[in-house]
Amino acid sequence: MFLRFPPFTHKYMKSKKYKAIYIEWCDAMANNDSWETHDQIIAWADTENWVIRQVGFIIKETKEYILLASKYNPQDTQIRVDGCIKIPKTWVRKRKAISSF
């Protein structure tokens, strides 16, 4: 016995496509180790890598931020997203379009 499912006809199924991008952005950092001298904290700040490399789907983009999802499910009655992060545009160092799905 085979189950038959109706085709997806929800308005988002045909119209909503998220752009996939590769993005590099600089994250805020905190040093929680202990008290440090001025020279030690400057050395830490100058040598720590704070660039994040990420791939995601653009859910929303404004002049102030980019809202990315790491995954989405378009095969539901409503599109569901997961692993979302809101990145201030001033933190973005590099971005490259991948494709649309």
N, C-alpha and C. Protein backbone atom coordinates (compact mmCIF):
# COMPACT_ATOMS: atom_id res chain seq x y z
N MET A 1 0.85 -1.18 0.00
CA MET A 1 0.00 0.00 0.00
C MET A 1 0.89 1.24 0.00
N PHE A 2 0.64 2.12 -0.94
CA PHE A 2 1.40 3.34 -1.04
C PHE A 2 0.55 4.52 -0.59
N LEU A 3 1.19 5.40 0.16
CA LEU A 3 0.50 6.61 0.58
C LEU A 3 0.68 7.67 -0.49
N ARG A 4 -0.36 8.38 -0.78
CA ARG A 4 -0.27 9.47 -1.75
C ARG A 4 -0.38 10.78 -0.99
N PHE A 5 0.57 11.65 -1.27
CA PHE A 5 0.58 12.96 -0.64
C PHE A 5 0.23 14.00 -1.68
N PRO A 6 -0.57 14.98 -1.31
CA PRO A 6 -0.88 16.04 -2.28
C PRO A 6 0.37 16.87 -2.54
N PRO A 7 0.48 17.47 -3.72
CA PRO A 7 1.64 18.32 -3.98
C PRO A 7 1.63 19.52 -3.05
N PHE A 8 2.81 20.03 -2.74
CA PHE A 8 2.90 21.20 -1.88
C PHE A 8 2.43 22.42 -2.65
N THR A 9 1.44 23.09 -2.10
CA THR A 9 0.87 24.23 -2.79
C THR A 9 0.92 25.49 -1.93
N HIS A 10 1.52 25.39 -0.78
CA HIS A 10 1.61 26.55 0.09
C HIS A 10 2.32 27.68 -0.65
N LYS A 11 1.94 28.91 -0.40
CA LYS A 11 2.50 30.05 -1.14
C LYS A 11 4.02 30.14 -1.05
N TYR A 12 4.62 29.67 0.05
CA TYR A 12 6.07 29.75 0.20
C TYR A 12 6.80 28.70 -0.64
N MET A 13 6.13 27.62 -0.95
CA MET A 13 6.80 26.51 -1.61
C MET A 13 7.37 26.91 -2.97
N LYS A 14 6.65 27.75 -3.69
CA LYS A 14 7.10 28.12 -5.03
C LYS A 14 7.79 29.47 -5.07
N SER A 15 7.51 30.33 -4.12
CA SER A 15 8.01 31.69 -4.21
C SER A 15 9.25 31.97 -3.36
N LYS A 16 9.45 31.24 -2.28
CA LYS A 16 10.52 31.56 -1.35
C LYS A 16 11.77 30.77 -1.65
N LYS A 17 12.82 31.47 -2.03
CA LYS A 17 14.12 30.85 -2.23
C LYS A 17 15.14 31.68 -1.48
N TYR A 18 15.94 31.03 -0.70
CA TYR A 18 16.95 31.73 0.07
C TYR A 18 18.28 31.66 -0.65
N LYS A 19 18.99 32.77 -0.66
CA LYS A 19 20.31 32.80 -1.26
C LYS A 19 21.32 32.21 -0.28
N ALA A 20 22.17 31.35 -0.79
CA ALA A 20 23.24 30.77 0.03
C ALA A 20 24.49 31.62 -0.16
N ILE A 21 25.18 31.91 0.96
CA ILE A 21 26.40 32.71 0.88
C ILE A 21 27.50 32.12 1.77
N TYR A 22 28.72 32.45 1.38
CA TYR A 22 29.89 32.25 2.23
C TYR A 22 30.19 33.62 2.79
N ILE A 23 30.40 33.69 4.10
CA ILE A 23 30.63 34.99 4.74
C ILE A 23 31.76 34.87 5.76
N GLU A 24 32.59 35.90 5.81
CA GLU A 24 33.61 36.01 6.85
C GLU A 24 33.27 37.25 7.66
N TRP A 25 33.23 37.07 8.97
CA TRP A 25 32.89 38.19 9.84
C TRP A 25 33.71 38.12 11.12
N CYS A 26 33.92 39.27 11.70
CA CYS A 26 34.73 39.38 12.92
C CYS A 26 33.81 39.36 14.13
N ASP A 27 34.07 38.42 15.01
CA ASP A 27 33.26 38.25 16.21
C ASP A 27 33.86 39.05 17.36
N ALA A 28 33.04 39.40 18.31
CA ALA A 28 33.53 40.01 19.55
C ALA A 28 34.19 38.92 20.39
N MET A 29 35.19 39.29 21.16
CA MET A 29 35.91 38.32 21.99
C MET A 29 36.04 38.86 23.40
N ALA A 30 36.19 37.95 24.33
CA ALA A 30 36.44 38.32 25.73
C ALA A 30 37.56 37.44 26.27
N ASN A 31 38.42 38.02 27.08
CA ASN A 31 39.48 37.26 27.73
C ASN A 31 39.04 37.03 29.17
N ASN A 32 38.71 35.81 29.48
CA ASN A 32 38.20 35.47 30.81
C ASN A 32 39.22 34.72 31.66
N ASP A 33 40.47 34.71 31.22
CA ASP A 33 41.48 33.92 31.94
C ASP A 33 41.76 34.46 33.33
N SER A 34 42.20 35.68 33.40
CA SER A 34 42.58 36.26 34.70
C SER A 34 42.97 37.72 34.48
N TRP A 35 43.44 38.33 35.54
CA TRP A 35 43.97 39.68 35.41
C TRP A 35 45.22 39.63 34.55
N GLU A 36 45.37 40.62 33.68
CA GLU A 36 46.50 40.69 32.76
C GLU A 36 47.14 42.07 32.85
N THR A 37 48.41 42.13 32.50
CA THR A 37 49.05 43.43 32.39
C THR A 37 48.61 44.08 31.09
N HIS A 38 48.86 45.35 30.97
CA HIS A 38 48.51 46.08 29.75
C HIS A 38 49.18 45.42 28.54
N ASP A 39 50.47 45.13 28.62
CA ASP A 39 51.20 44.53 27.50
C ASP A 39 50.66 43.14 27.16
N GLN A 40 50.30 42.36 28.17
CA GLN A 40 49.77 41.02 27.91
C GLN A 40 48.42 41.08 27.18
N ILE A 41 47.57 42.00 27.59
CA ILE A 41 46.26 42.07 26.97
C ILE A 41 46.35 42.62 25.55
N ILE A 42 47.27 43.54 25.31
CA ILE A 42 47.49 44.05 23.94
C ILE A 42 48.02 42.93 23.05
N ALA A 43 48.95 42.14 23.55
CA ALA A 43 49.49 41.01 22.79
C ALA A 43 48.39 40.00 22.48
N TRP A 44 47.53 39.74 23.44
CA TRP A 44 46.40 38.82 23.23
C TRP A 44 45.48 39.36 22.14
N ALA A 45 45.13 40.63 22.22
CA ALA A 45 44.21 41.24 21.25
C ALA A 45 44.80 41.25 19.84
N ASP A 46 46.11 41.44 19.73
CA ASP A 46 46.76 41.52 18.42
C ASP A 46 47.00 40.15 17.79
N THR A 47 47.00 39.09 18.58
CA THR A 47 47.34 37.78 18.02
C THR A 47 46.17 36.82 17.90
N GLU A 48 45.10 37.04 18.62
CA GLU A 48 43.96 36.12 18.56
C GLU A 48 43.22 36.25 17.24
N ASN A 49 42.80 35.11 16.69
CA ASN A 49 42.03 35.09 15.46
C ASN A 49 40.56 35.25 15.80
N TRP A 50 39.94 36.27 15.30
CA TRP A 50 38.56 36.55 15.61
C TRP A 50 37.67 36.55 14.37
N VAL A 51 38.22 36.03 13.25
CA VAL A 51 37.45 35.95 12.01
C VAL A 51 36.72 34.62 11.96
N ILE A 52 35.42 34.69 11.76
CA ILE A 52 34.56 33.51 11.65
C ILE A 52 34.27 33.29 10.17
N ARG A 53 34.37 32.05 9.72
CA ARG A 53 34.03 31.69 8.35
C ARG A 53 32.78 30.83 8.39
N GLN A 54 31.76 31.24 7.64
CA GLN A 54 30.46 30.59 7.78
C GLN A 54 29.75 30.54 6.43
N VAL A 55 28.96 29.48 6.25
CA VAL A 55 28.07 29.35 5.10
C VAL A 55 26.65 29.31 5.63
N GLY A 56 25.74 30.01 4.97
CA GLY A 56 24.36 30.01 5.44
C GLY A 56 23.41 30.53 4.39
N PHE A 57 22.14 30.54 4.75
CA PHE A 57 21.08 31.05 3.88
C PHE A 57 20.63 32.40 4.41
N ILE A 58 20.56 33.40 3.52
CA ILE A 58 20.11 34.73 3.93
C ILE A 58 18.60 34.70 4.12
N ILE A 59 18.16 34.88 5.35
CA ILE A 59 16.73 34.93 5.67
C ILE A 59 16.22 36.36 5.52
N LYS A 60 17.04 37.31 5.97
CA LYS A 60 16.69 38.73 5.86
C LYS A 60 17.98 39.53 5.85
N GLU A 61 17.97 40.61 5.09
CA GLU A 61 19.12 41.51 5.07
C GLU A 61 18.62 42.95 5.08
N THR A 62 19.19 43.74 5.98
CA THR A 62 18.87 45.17 6.08
C THR A 62 20.16 45.97 5.97
N LYS A 63 20.05 47.27 6.10
CA LYS A 63 21.26 48.09 6.11
C LYS A 63 22.12 47.82 7.34
N GLU A 64 21.50 47.34 8.41
CA GLU A 64 22.20 47.14 9.68
C GLU A 64 22.71 45.72 9.90
N TYR A 65 22.02 44.70 9.37
CA TYR A 65 22.40 43.33 9.70
C TYR A 65 22.05 42.34 8.60
N ILE A 66 22.62 41.14 8.74
CA ILE A 66 22.28 39.99 7.91
C ILE A 66 21.79 38.89 8.85
N LEU A 67 20.64 38.33 8.56
CA LEU A 67 20.10 37.22 9.34
C LEU A 67 20.32 35.95 8.53
N LEU A 68 21.17 35.04 9.06
CA LEU A 68 21.49 33.79 8.38
C LEU A 68 20.89 32.61 9.11
N ALA A 69 20.53 31.58 8.35
CA ALA A 69 20.12 30.30 8.91
C ALA A 69 21.08 29.25 8.39
N SER A 70 21.43 28.30 9.24
CA SER A 70 22.33 27.23 8.79
C SER A 70 21.56 26.19 8.00
N LYS A 71 20.25 26.11 8.22
CA LYS A 71 19.42 25.17 7.46
C LYS A 71 17.98 25.63 7.46
N TYR A 72 17.23 25.16 6.44
CA TYR A 72 15.81 25.43 6.41
C TYR A 72 15.07 24.26 5.77
N ASN A 73 13.78 24.14 6.10
CA ASN A 73 12.95 23.05 5.61
C ASN A 73 11.78 23.64 4.83
N PRO A 74 11.86 23.62 3.50
CA PRO A 74 10.77 24.19 2.70
C PRO A 74 9.63 23.21 2.48
N GLN A 75 9.73 22.00 2.99
CA GLN A 75 8.72 20.98 2.70
C GLN A 75 7.70 20.85 3.81
N ASP A 76 7.43 21.91 4.48
CA ASP A 76 6.44 21.92 5.54
C ASP A 76 5.35 22.90 5.10
N THR A 77 4.28 22.98 5.86
CA THR A 77 3.23 23.94 5.51
C THR A 77 3.71 25.37 5.69
N GLN A 78 4.72 25.54 6.54
CA GLN A 78 5.40 26.82 6.68
C GLN A 78 6.89 26.53 6.64
N ILE A 79 7.65 27.41 6.04
CA ILE A 79 9.09 27.21 6.00
C ILE A 79 9.63 27.33 7.43
N ARG A 80 10.45 26.37 7.82
CA ARG A 80 11.07 26.38 9.14
C ARG A 80 12.58 26.55 8.97
N VAL A 81 13.17 27.34 9.86
CA VAL A 81 14.61 27.60 9.81
C VAL A 81 15.24 27.21 11.14
N ASP A 82 16.55 26.96 11.10
CA ASP A 82 17.26 26.55 12.31
C ASP A 82 18.69 27.09 12.25
N GLY A 83 19.30 27.23 13.40
CA GLY A 83 20.68 27.69 13.48
C GLY A 83 20.84 29.12 13.01
N CYS A 84 19.95 30.00 13.43
CA CYS A 84 19.98 31.39 12.95
C CYS A 84 20.96 32.25 13.74
N ILE A 85 21.56 33.18 13.03
CA ILE A 85 22.47 34.14 13.64
C ILE A 85 22.28 35.50 12.97
N LYS A 86 22.26 36.54 13.79
CA LYS A 86 22.12 37.90 13.30
C LYS A 86 23.49 38.58 13.40
N ILE A 87 24.05 38.96 12.24
CA ILE A 87 25.40 39.51 12.19
C ILE A 87 25.33 40.98 11.79
N PRO A 88 25.86 41.88 12.62
CA PRO A 88 25.91 43.28 12.23
C PRO A 88 26.76 43.45 10.96
N LYS A 89 26.29 44.26 10.03
CA LYS A 89 27.03 44.43 8.77
C LYS A 89 28.40 45.06 8.96
N THR A 90 28.57 45.82 10.01
CA THR A 90 29.89 46.42 10.26
C THR A 90 30.92 45.36 10.62
N TRP A 91 30.49 44.16 11.01
CA TRP A 91 31.39 43.07 11.36
C TRP A 91 31.80 42.24 10.15
N VAL A 92 31.08 42.38 9.03
CA VAL A 92 31.33 41.56 7.83
C VAL A 92 32.58 42.05 7.11
N ARG A 93 33.48 41.10 6.82
CA ARG A 93 34.72 41.42 6.12
C ARG A 93 34.71 40.94 4.67
N LYS A 94 33.98 39.84 4.41
CA LYS A 94 33.97 39.27 3.07
C LYS A 94 32.70 38.45 2.90
N ARG A 95 32.14 38.47 1.70
CA ARG A 95 30.98 37.64 1.41
C ARG A 95 31.00 37.25 -0.06
N LYS A 96 30.47 36.06 -0.33
CA LYS A 96 30.45 35.56 -1.70
C LYS A 96 29.17 34.75 -1.88
N ALA A 97 28.40 35.09 -2.91
CA ALA A 97 27.18 34.35 -3.21
C ALA A 97 27.54 32.95 -3.68
N ILE A 98 26.79 31.97 -3.22
CA ILE A 98 27.01 30.59 -3.64
C ILE A 98 26.01 30.21 -4.71
N SER A 99 24.70 30.22 -4.35
CA SER A 99 23.63 29.92 -5.31
C SER A 99 22.29 30.06 -4.59
N SER A 100 21.24 29.82 -5.32
CA SER A 100 19.90 29.79 -4.72
C SER A 100 19.38 28.37 -4.80
N PHE A 101 18.58 27.99 -3.81
CA PHE A 101 18.02 26.66 -3.77
C PHE A 101 16.52 26.74 -3.89
